[in-house]
C-alpha atoms as a PDB file:
ATOM      1  CA  UNK A   1     135.416 -38.706 136.642  1.00  0.00           C
ATOM      2  CA  UNK A   2     134.155 -38.508 133.063  1.00  0.00           C
ATOM      3  CA  UNK A   3     136.643 -39.110 130.283  1.00  0.00           C
ATOM      4  CA  UNK A   4     134.577 -37.224 127.677  1.00  0.00           C
ATOM      5  CA  UNK A   5     131.878 -34.518 127.799  1.00  0.00           C
ATOM      6  CA  UNK A   6     129.272 -33.933 125.084  1.00  0.00           C
ATOM      7  CA  UNK A   7     127.112 -30.791 124.929  1.00  0.00           C
ATOM      8  CA  UNK A   8     124.552 -30.996 122.156  1.00  0.00           C
ATOM      9  CA  UNK A   9     121.328 -29.521 120.828  1.00  0.00           C
ATOM     10  CA  UNK A  10     119.716 -27.807 117.834  1.00  0.00           C
ATOM     11  CA  UNK A  11     121.464 -25.068 115.914  1.00  0.00           C
ATOM     12  CA  UNK A  12     121.444 -21.705 117.731  1.00  0.00           C
ATOM     13  CA  UNK A  13     120.083 -23.165 120.990  1.00  0.00           C
ATOM     14  CA  UNK A  14     122.987 -21.596 122.916  1.00  0.00           C
ATOM     15  CA  UNK A  15     125.826 -24.136 123.078  1.00  0.00           C
ATOM     16  CA  UNK A  16     128.555 -21.621 122.251  1.00  0.00           C
ATOM     17  CA  UNK A  17     127.505 -18.878 124.713  1.00  0.00           C
ATOM     18  CA  UNK A  18     127.004 -21.490 127.432  1.00  0.00           C
ATOM     19  CA  UNK A  19     130.532 -22.791 127.016  1.00  0.00           C
ATOM     20  CA  UNK A  20     131.917 -19.259 126.801  1.00  0.00           C
ATOM     21  CA  UNK A  21     130.161 -18.448 130.077  1.00  0.00           C
ATOM     22  CA  UNK A  22     131.567 -21.621 131.620  1.00  0.00           C
ATOM     23  CA  UNK A  23     135.086 -20.546 130.634  1.00  0.00           C
ATOM     24  CA  UNK A  24     134.531 -17.107 132.124  1.00  0.00           C
ATOM     25  CA  UNK A  25     132.905 -18.033 135.420  1.00  0.00           C
ATOM     26  CA  UNK A  26     134.156 -21.597 135.967  1.00  0.00           C
ATOM     27  CA  UNK A  27     137.709 -21.619 134.579  1.00  0.00           C
ATOM     28  CA  UNK A  28     138.675 -24.449 136.904  1.00  0.00           C
ATOM     29  CA  UNK A  29     136.186 -26.688 135.080  1.00  0.00           C
ATOM     30  CA  UNK A  30     136.612 -25.502 131.496  1.00  0.00           C
ATOM     31  CA  UNK A  31     140.415 -25.524 131.647  1.00  0.00           C
ATOM     32  CA  UNK A  32     140.340 -29.321 131.756  1.00  0.00           C
ATOM     33  CA  UNK A  33     138.546 -29.477 128.391  1.00  0.00           C
ATOM     34  CA  UNK A  34     140.064 -29.812 124.946  1.00  0.00           C
ATOM     35  CA  UNK A  35     137.555 -29.373 122.151  1.00  0.00           C
ATOM     36  CA  UNK A  36     137.220 -32.083 119.540  1.00  0.00           C
ATOM     37  CA  UNK A  37     137.696 -30.600 116.070  1.00  0.00           C
ATOM     38  CA  UNK A  38     135.643 -32.147 113.283  1.00  0.00           C
ATOM     39  CA  UNK A  39     135.968 -32.018 109.520  1.00  0.00           C
ATOM     40  CA  UNK A  40     133.175 -29.954 107.941  1.00  0.00           C
ATOM     41  CA  UNK A  41     132.380 -29.364 104.277  1.00  0.00           C
ATOM     42  CA  UNK A  42     130.679 -25.990 104.749  1.00  0.00           C
ATOM     43  CA  UNK A  43     132.366 -22.609 104.561  1.00  0.00           C
ATOM     44  CA  UNK A  44     133.425 -20.892 107.814  1.00  0.00           C
ATOM     45  CA  UNK A  45     131.009 -18.542 109.552  1.00  0.00           C
ATOM     46  CA  UNK A  46     132.227 -15.108 110.659  1.00  0.00           C
ATOM     47  CA  UNK A  47     134.642 -15.567 113.537  1.00  0.00           C
ATOM     48  CA  UNK A  48     135.291 -19.283 112.985  1.00  0.00           C
ATOM     49  CA  UNK A  49     138.902 -20.436 112.698  1.00  0.00           C
ATOM     50  CA  UNK A  50     140.470 -23.307 110.787  1.00  0.00           C
ATOM     51  CA  UNK A  51     141.654 -26.021 113.144  1.00  0.00           C
ATOM     52  CA  UNK A  52     139.882 -24.430 116.098  1.00  0.00           C
ATOM     53  CA  UNK A  53     136.189 -24.635 115.224  1.00  0.00           C
ATOM     54  CA  UNK A  54     136.484 -27.154 112.370  1.00  0.00           C
ATOM     55  CA  UNK A  55     138.818 -28.459 109.723  1.00  0.00           C
ATOM     56  CA  UNK A  56     137.115 -26.923 106.702  1.00  0.00           C
ATOM     57  CA  UNK A  57     137.513 -29.238 103.725  1.00  0.00           C
ATOM     58  CA  UNK A  58     135.745 -30.017 100.456  1.00  0.00           C
ATOM     59  CA  UNK A  59     132.820 -32.421 100.341  1.00  0.00           C
ATOM     60  CA  UNK A  60     134.856 -34.879  98.277  1.00  0.00           C
ATOM     61  CA  UNK A  61     137.713 -34.825 100.803  1.00  0.00           C
ATOM     62  CA  UNK A  62     135.397 -35.686 103.704  1.00  0.00           C
ATOM     63  CA  UNK A  63     133.417 -38.207 101.666  1.00  0.00           C
ATOM     64  CA  UNK A  64     136.676 -40.077 101.005  1.00  0.00           C
ATOM     65  CA  UNK A  65     137.069 -40.575 104.771  1.00  0.00           C
ATOM     66  CA  UNK A  66     133.945 -42.738 104.775  1.00  0.00           C
ATOM     67  CA  UNK A  67     135.922 -45.719 103.513  1.00  0.00           C
ATOM     68  CA  UNK A  68     138.723 -45.269 106.044  1.00  0.00           C
ATOM     69  CA  UNK A  69     138.732 -46.914 109.448  1.00  0.00           C
ATOM     70  CA  UNK A  70     138.823 -44.745 112.538  1.00  0.00           C
ATOM     71  CA  UNK A  71     136.276 -42.109 111.508  1.00  0.00           C
ATOM     72  CA  UNK A  72     132.623 -41.484 112.297  1.00  0.00           C
ATOM     73  CA  UNK A  73     130.621 -39.473 109.799  1.00  0.00           C
ATOM     74  CA  UNK A  74     127.222 -37.783 109.906  1.00  0.00           C
ATOM     75  CA  UNK A  75     124.995 -35.728 107.630  1.00  0.00           C
ATOM     76  CA  UNK A  76     124.295 -32.595 109.663  1.00  0.00           C
ATOM     77  CA  UNK A  77     121.431 -30.563 108.218  1.00  0.00           C
ATOM     78  CA  UNK A  78     122.956 -30.838 104.757  1.00  0.00           C
ATOM     79  CA  UNK A  79     126.583 -30.504 105.866  1.00  0.00           C
ATOM     80  CA  UNK A  80     128.904 -33.496 105.965  1.00  0.00           C
ATOM     81  CA  UNK A  81     130.935 -33.815 109.162  1.00  0.00           C
ATOM     82  CA  UNK A  82     133.508 -36.385 110.247  1.00  0.00           C
ATOM     83  CA  UNK A  83     135.513 -37.020 113.400  1.00  0.00           C
ATOM     84  CA  UNK A  84     138.754 -38.946 113.687  1.00  0.00           C
ATOM     85  CA  UNK A  85     138.189 -41.246 116.655  1.00  0.00           C
ATOM     86  CA  UNK A  86     141.888 -41.342 117.572  1.00  0.00           C
ATOM     87  CA  UNK A  87     141.619 -37.653 118.486  1.00  0.00           C
ATOM     88  CA  UNK A  88     139.598 -38.618 121.584  1.00  0.00           C
ATOM     89  CA  UNK A  89     142.287 -40.873 123.042  1.00  0.00           C
ATOM     90  CA  UNK A  90     145.035 -38.435 122.054  1.00  0.00           C
ATOM     91  CA  UNK A  91     143.390 -35.735 124.167  1.00  0.00           C
ATOM     92  CA  UNK A  92     142.919 -38.101 127.109  1.00  0.00           C
ATOM     93  CA  UNK A  93     146.597 -39.058 126.898  1.00  0.00           C
ATOM     94  CA  UNK A  94     147.496 -35.405 127.536  1.00  0.00           C
ATOM     95  CA  UNK A  95     145.524 -35.468 130.784  1.00  0.00           C
ATOM     96  CA  UNK A  96     142.624 -33.408 129.478  1.00  0.00           C
ATOM     97  CA  UNK A  97     138.939 -34.156 128.774  1.00  0.00           C
ATOM     98  CA  UNK A  98     137.711 -34.376 125.163  1.00  0.00           C
ATOM     99  CA  UNK A  99     134.814 -31.943 124.759  1.00  0.00           C
ATOM    100  CA  UNK A 100     132.267 -31.937 121.950  1.00  0.00           C
ATOM    101  CA  UNK A 101     129.835 -29.038 121.517  1.00  0.00           C
ATOM    102  CA  UNK A 102     127.569 -29.313 118.506  1.00  0.00           C
ATOM    103  CA  UNK A 103     124.755 -31.127 116.780  1.00  0.00           C
ATOM    104  CA  UNK A 104     123.257 -34.401 118.093  1.00  0.00           C
ATOM    105  CA  UNK A 105     123.982 -36.360 114.903  1.00  0.00           C
ATOM    106  CA  UNK A 106     127.707 -36.880 115.524  1.00  0.00           C
ATOM    107  CA  UNK A 107     127.129 -37.954 119.154  1.00  0.00           C
ATOM    108  CA  UNK A 108     124.556 -40.389 117.790  1.00  0.00           C
ATOM    109  CA  UNK A 109     127.252 -41.991 115.643  1.00  0.00           C
ATOM    110  CA  UNK A 110     129.668 -42.109 118.578  1.00  0.00           C
ATOM    111  CA  UNK A 111     126.974 -43.782 120.663  1.00  0.00           C
ATOM    112  CA  UNK A 112     126.260 -46.329 117.908  1.00  0.00           C
ATOM    113  CA  UNK A 113     129.850 -47.568 117.849  1.00  0.00           C
ATOM    114  CA  UNK A 114     130.073 -47.789 121.645  1.00  0.00           C
ATOM    115  CA  UNK A 115     132.344 -44.820 122.285  1.00  0.00           C
ATOM    116  CA  UNK A 116     130.086 -43.242 124.908  1.00  0.00           C
ATOM    117  CA  UNK A 117     130.550 -46.295 127.128  1.00  0.00           C
ATOM    118  CA  UNK A 118     134.214 -46.756 126.245  1.00  0.00           C
ATOM    119  CA  UNK A 119     135.078 -43.206 127.271  1.00  0.00           C
ATOM    120  CA  UNK A 120     132.638 -42.863 130.211  1.00  0.00           C
ATOM    121  CA  UNK A 121     130.824 -39.933 128.605  1.00  0.00           C
ATOM    122  CA  UNK A 122     128.702 -37.268 130.254  1.00  0.00           C
ATOM    123  CA  UNK A 123     126.148 -36.260 127.598  1.00  0.00           C
ATOM    124  CA  UNK A 124     123.962 -33.159 127.926  1.00  0.00           C
ATOM    125  CA  UNK A 125     121.276 -31.949 125.527  1.00  0.00           C
ATOM    126  CA  UNK A 126     120.183 -28.303 125.418  1.00  0.00           C
ATOM    127  CA  UNK A 127     116.509 -27.884 124.542  1.00  0.00           C
ATOM    128  CA  UNK A 128     114.725 -24.658 123.491  1.00  0.00           C
ATOM    129  CA  UNK A 129     111.682 -25.883 125.459  1.00  0.00           C
ATOM    130  CA  UNK A 130     111.304 -27.497 128.860  1.00  0.00           C
ATOM    131  CA  UNK A 131     109.575 -30.811 129.452  1.00  0.00           C
ATOM    132  CA  UNK A 132     106.695 -29.020 131.170  1.00  0.00           C
ATOM    133  CA  UNK A 133     106.237 -26.702 128.178  1.00  0.00           C
ATOM    134  CA  UNK A 134     106.206 -29.618 125.746  1.00  0.00           C
ATOM    135  CA  UNK A 135     103.596 -31.490 127.802  1.00  0.00           C
ATOM    136  CA  UNK A 136     101.482 -28.319 127.957  1.00  0.00           C
ATOM    137  CA  UNK A 137     101.697 -27.771 124.200  1.00  0.00           C
ATOM    138  CA  UNK A 138     100.955 -31.450 123.466  1.00  0.00           C
ATOM    139  CA  UNK A 139      97.622 -31.297 125.292  1.00  0.00           C
ATOM    140  CA  UNK A 140      94.911 -31.685 122.616  1.00  0.00           C
ATOM    141  CA  UNK A 141      92.987 -28.843 124.278  1.00  0.00           C
ATOM    142  CA  UNK A 142      95.746 -26.461 123.147  1.00  0.00           C
ATOM    143  CA  UNK A 143      95.300 -27.312 119.482  1.00  0.00           C
ATOM    144  CA  UNK A 144      99.013 -26.611 118.879  1.00  0.00           C
ATOM    145  CA  UNK A 145     101.041 -28.130 116.047  1.00  0.00           C
ATOM    146  CA  UNK A 146     104.154 -28.988 118.086  1.00  0.00           C
ATOM    147  CA  UNK A 147     106.381 -29.415 115.040  1.00  0.00           C
ATOM    148  CA  UNK A 148     105.431 -25.998 113.662  1.00  0.00           C
ATOM    149  CA  UNK A 149     105.716 -24.353 117.079  1.00  0.00           C
ATOM    150  CA  UNK A 150     109.235 -25.693 117.670  1.00  0.00           C
ATOM    151  CA  UNK A 151     110.308 -24.723 114.154  1.00  0.00           C
ATOM    152  CA  UNK A 152     108.959 -21.195 114.699  1.00  0.00           C
ATOM    153  CA  UNK A 153     110.886 -20.866 117.971  1.00  0.00           C
ATOM    154  CA  UNK A 154     114.179 -21.833 116.349  1.00  0.00           C
ATOM    155  CA  UNK A 155     113.531 -19.844 113.183  1.00  0.00           C
ATOM    156  CA  UNK A 156     113.251 -16.697 115.295  1.00  0.00           C
ATOM    157  CA  UNK A 157     116.608 -17.408 116.947  1.00  0.00           C
ATOM    158  CA  UNK A 158     118.326 -18.407 113.699  1.00  0.00           C
ATOM    159  CA  UNK A 159     117.156 -15.290 111.866  1.00  0.00           C
ATOM    160  CA  UNK A 160     118.345 -13.099 114.718  1.00  0.00           C
ATOM    161  CA  UNK A 161     121.797 -14.716 114.623  1.00  0.00           C
ATOM    162  CA  UNK A 162     122.074 -14.592 110.836  1.00  0.00           C
ATOM    163  CA  UNK A 163     121.042 -10.927 110.672  1.00  0.00           C
ATOM    164  CA  UNK A 164     123.538 -10.054 113.409  1.00  0.00           C
ATOM    165  CA  UNK A 165     126.334 -11.844 111.545  1.00  0.00           C
ATOM    166  CA  UNK A 166     125.555 -10.787 107.988  1.00  0.00           C
ATOM    167  CA  UNK A 167     123.075  -7.924 108.024  1.00  0.00           C
ATOM    168  CA  UNK A 168     121.288  -8.334 104.706  1.00  0.00           C
ATOM    169  CA  UNK A 169     120.345 -11.987 104.182  1.00  0.00           C
ATOM    170  CA  UNK A 170     120.476 -13.730 100.821  1.00  0.00           C
ATOM    171  CA  UNK A 171     118.027 -16.332  99.555  1.00  0.00           C
ATOM    172  CA  UNK A 172     120.635 -18.965 100.378  1.00  0.00           C
ATOM    173  CA  UNK A 173     120.857 -17.676 103.964  1.00  0.00           C
ATOM    174  CA  UNK A 174     117.081 -17.951 104.338  1.00  0.00           C
ATOM    175  CA  UNK A 175     117.119 -21.476 102.924  1.00  0.00           C
ATOM    176  CA  UNK A 176     119.712 -22.504 105.519  1.00  0.00           C
ATOM    177  CA  UNK A 177     117.564 -21.025 108.288  1.00  0.00           C
ATOM    178  CA  UNK A 178     114.545 -23.000 107.080  1.00  0.00           C
ATOM    179  CA  UNK A 179     116.518 -26.229 106.864  1.00  0.00           C
ATOM    180  CA  UNK A 180     117.810 -25.851 110.406  1.00  0.00           C
ATOM    181  CA  UNK A 181     114.391 -24.837 111.736  1.00  0.00           C
ATOM    182  CA  UNK A 182     112.776 -27.887 110.150  1.00  0.00           C
ATOM    183  CA  UNK A 183     115.451 -30.154 111.652  1.00  0.00           C
ATOM    184  CA  UNK A 184     114.832 -29.036 115.239  1.00  0.00           C
ATOM    185  CA  UNK A 185     112.017 -31.464 116.080  1.00  0.00           C
ATOM    186  CA  UNK A 186     113.995 -34.393 114.691  1.00  0.00           C
ATOM    187  CA  UNK A 187     116.956 -33.433 116.852  1.00  0.00           C
ATOM    188  CA  UNK A 188     114.842 -32.955 119.953  1.00  0.00           C
ATOM    189  CA  UNK A 189     113.521 -36.491 119.524  1.00  0.00           C
ATOM    190  CA  UNK A 190     117.033 -37.721 120.296  1.00  0.00           C
ATOM    191  CA  UNK A 191     117.241 -35.830 123.608  1.00  0.00           C
ATOM    192  CA  UNK A 192     116.067 -38.826 125.663  1.00  0.00           C
ATOM    193  CA  UNK A 193     119.247 -40.669 124.622  1.00  0.00           C
ATOM    194  CA  UNK A 194     121.373 -38.129 126.504  1.00  0.00           C
ATOM    195  CA  UNK A 195     122.125 -38.420 130.210  1.00  0.00           C
ATOM    196  CA  UNK A 196     120.501 -35.074 130.961  1.00  0.00           C
ATOM    197  CA  UNK A 197     118.481 -32.318 129.295  1.00  0.00           C
ATOM    198  CA  UNK A 198     118.845 -28.645 130.229  1.00  0.00           C
ATOM    199  CA  UNK A 199     116.092 -26.296 128.993  1.00  0.00           C
ATOM    200  CA  UNK A 200     117.598 -23.125 127.550  1.00  0.00           C
ATOM    201  CA  UNK A 201     115.374 -20.360 126.223  1.00  0.00           C
ATOM    202  CA  UNK A 202     118.192 -17.819 125.830  1.00  0.00           C
ATOM    203  CA  UNK A 203     119.830 -18.879 122.583  1.00  0.00           C
ATOM    204  CA  UNK A 204     122.789 -17.409 120.742  1.00  0.00           C
ATOM    205  CA  UNK A 205     122.756 -13.648 120.560  1.00  0.00           C
ATOM    206  CA  UNK A 206     120.429 -13.226 123.528  1.00  0.00           C
ATOM    207  CA  UNK A 207     121.494 -10.325 125.747  1.00  0.00           C
ATOM    208  CA  UNK A 208     120.992 -12.370 128.893  1.00  0.00           C
ATOM    209  CA  UNK A 209     124.415 -13.930 128.320  1.00  0.00           C
ATOM    210  CA  UNK A 210     126.645 -10.883 128.289  1.00  0.00           C
ATOM    211  CA  UNK A 211     124.683  -7.635 128.427  1.00  0.00           C
ATOM    212  CA  UNK A 212     125.330  -7.488 132.176  1.00  0.00           C
ATOM    213  CA  UNK A 213     128.152  -8.593 134.439  1.00  0.00           C
ATOM    214  CA  UNK A 214     126.632 -12.018 135.018  1.00  0.00           C
ATOM    215  CA  UNK A 215     124.197 -14.121 132.927  1.00  0.00           C
ATOM    216  CA  UNK A 216     120.559 -13.788 133.949  1.00  0.00           C
ATOM    217  CA  UNK A 217     117.312 -15.597 133.166  1.00  0.00           C
ATOM    218  CA  UNK A 218     117.433 -18.974 131.473  1.00  0.00           C
ATOM    219  CA  UNK A 219     121.103 -18.378 130.587  1.00  0.00           C
ATOM    220  CA  UNK A 220     122.025 -18.243 134.279  1.00  0.00           C
ATOM    221  CA  UNK A 221     120.030 -21.354 135.143  1.00  0.00           C
ATOM    222  CA  UNK A 222     121.610 -23.317 132.297  1.00  0.00           C
ATOM    223  CA  UNK A 223     125.115 -22.224 133.291  1.00  0.00           C
ATOM    224  CA  UNK A 224     124.609 -23.247 136.920  1.00  0.00           C
ATOM    225  CA  UNK A 225     123.003 -26.546 135.895  1.00  0.00           C
ATOM    226  CA  UNK A 226     125.800 -27.461 133.474  1.00  0.00           C
ATOM    227  CA  UNK A 227     128.537 -26.507 135.932  1.00  0.00           C
ATOM    228  CA  UNK A 228     126.849 -28.618 138.617  1.00  0.00           C
ATOM    229  CA  UNK A 229     126.666 -31.652 136.323  1.00  0.00           C
ATOM    230  CA  UNK A 230     130.383 -31.332 135.618  1.00  0.00           C
ATOM    231  CA  UNK A 231     130.904 -31.459 139.376  1.00  0.00           C
ATOM    232  CA  UNK A 232     128.724 -34.554 139.746  1.00  0.00           C
ATOM    233  CA  UNK A 233     125.635 -32.782 141.090  1.00  0.00           C
ATOM    234  CA  UNK A 234     122.142 -32.695 139.573  1.00  0.00           C
ATOM    235  CA  UNK A 235     120.063 -29.544 140.141  1.00  0.00           C
ATOM    236  CA  UNK A 236     116.330 -28.910 139.823  1.00  0.00           C
ATOM    237  CA  UNK A 237     116.903 -27.277 136.423  1.00  0.00           C
ATOM    238  CA  UNK A 238     118.121 -30.549 134.911  1.00  0.00           C
ATOM    239  CA  UNK A 239     115.649 -32.909 133.269  1.00  0.00           C
ATOM    240  CA  UNK A 240     115.632 -36.528 132.089  1.00  0.00           C
ATOM    241  CA  UNK A 241     113.386 -37.164 129.113  1.00  0.00           C
ATOM    242  CA  UNK A 242     111.660 -40.327 127.928  1.00  0.00           C
ATOM    243  CA  UNK A 243     111.384 -41.524 124.333  1.00  0.00           C
ATOM    244  CA  UNK A 244     107.655 -40.793 124.157  1.00  0.00           C
ATOM    245  CA  UNK A 245     107.871 -37.138 125.227  1.00  0.00           C
ATOM    246  CA  UNK A 246     108.012 -35.875 121.629  1.00  0.00           C
ATOM    247  CA  UNK A 247     105.878 -37.865 119.155  1.00  0.00           C
END
């Protein structure tokens, strides 16, 4: 039995809808989770709640935590995030499983200080491309710039989400989209450090999650794969990457 579960991946890859689908169709699994709540210096997005999604604080407040013991801190695409380590054990003491869903930078810090091993962590990375697709695109015969291709894929998803949330986008909104798009390749290079990788083409806002009674397409495959991993089973839709997959 895992003491902690980490679900990570680039921005807008589909972490939130995957977990929402898990809660809907596998309540017996999701009910054991208690989400870790991090400090974040950005402003809330539409629908986010204080103390539920993040503890929204000023940059100076979070920066001051750097000098205090018991916190891990990471620069996340320009945002500063911090996690109080004691929160993990506090959740375990209640009989529940600490659950992190977010960027790969914070899990990287947890891994560095040995917390993945200490808390017997199941770590899963969601990728916008499968291993087979990456190998295909890397072939010199394709003549594809992998970095640009991956950034384009995520930019499309990020713009769709931002337009759905805000309608008219400001220059600042577009700058955030570009920053997150450019960060995707860097984040995907960390995927080999996770126990498993699940390819997920249906990102946030894709109708395959909730337009019908049950998720379809890549959303369905990812849901079944993640639920199986939580039950100790590995399906054909789960991958294990090596460090040299993405140059």
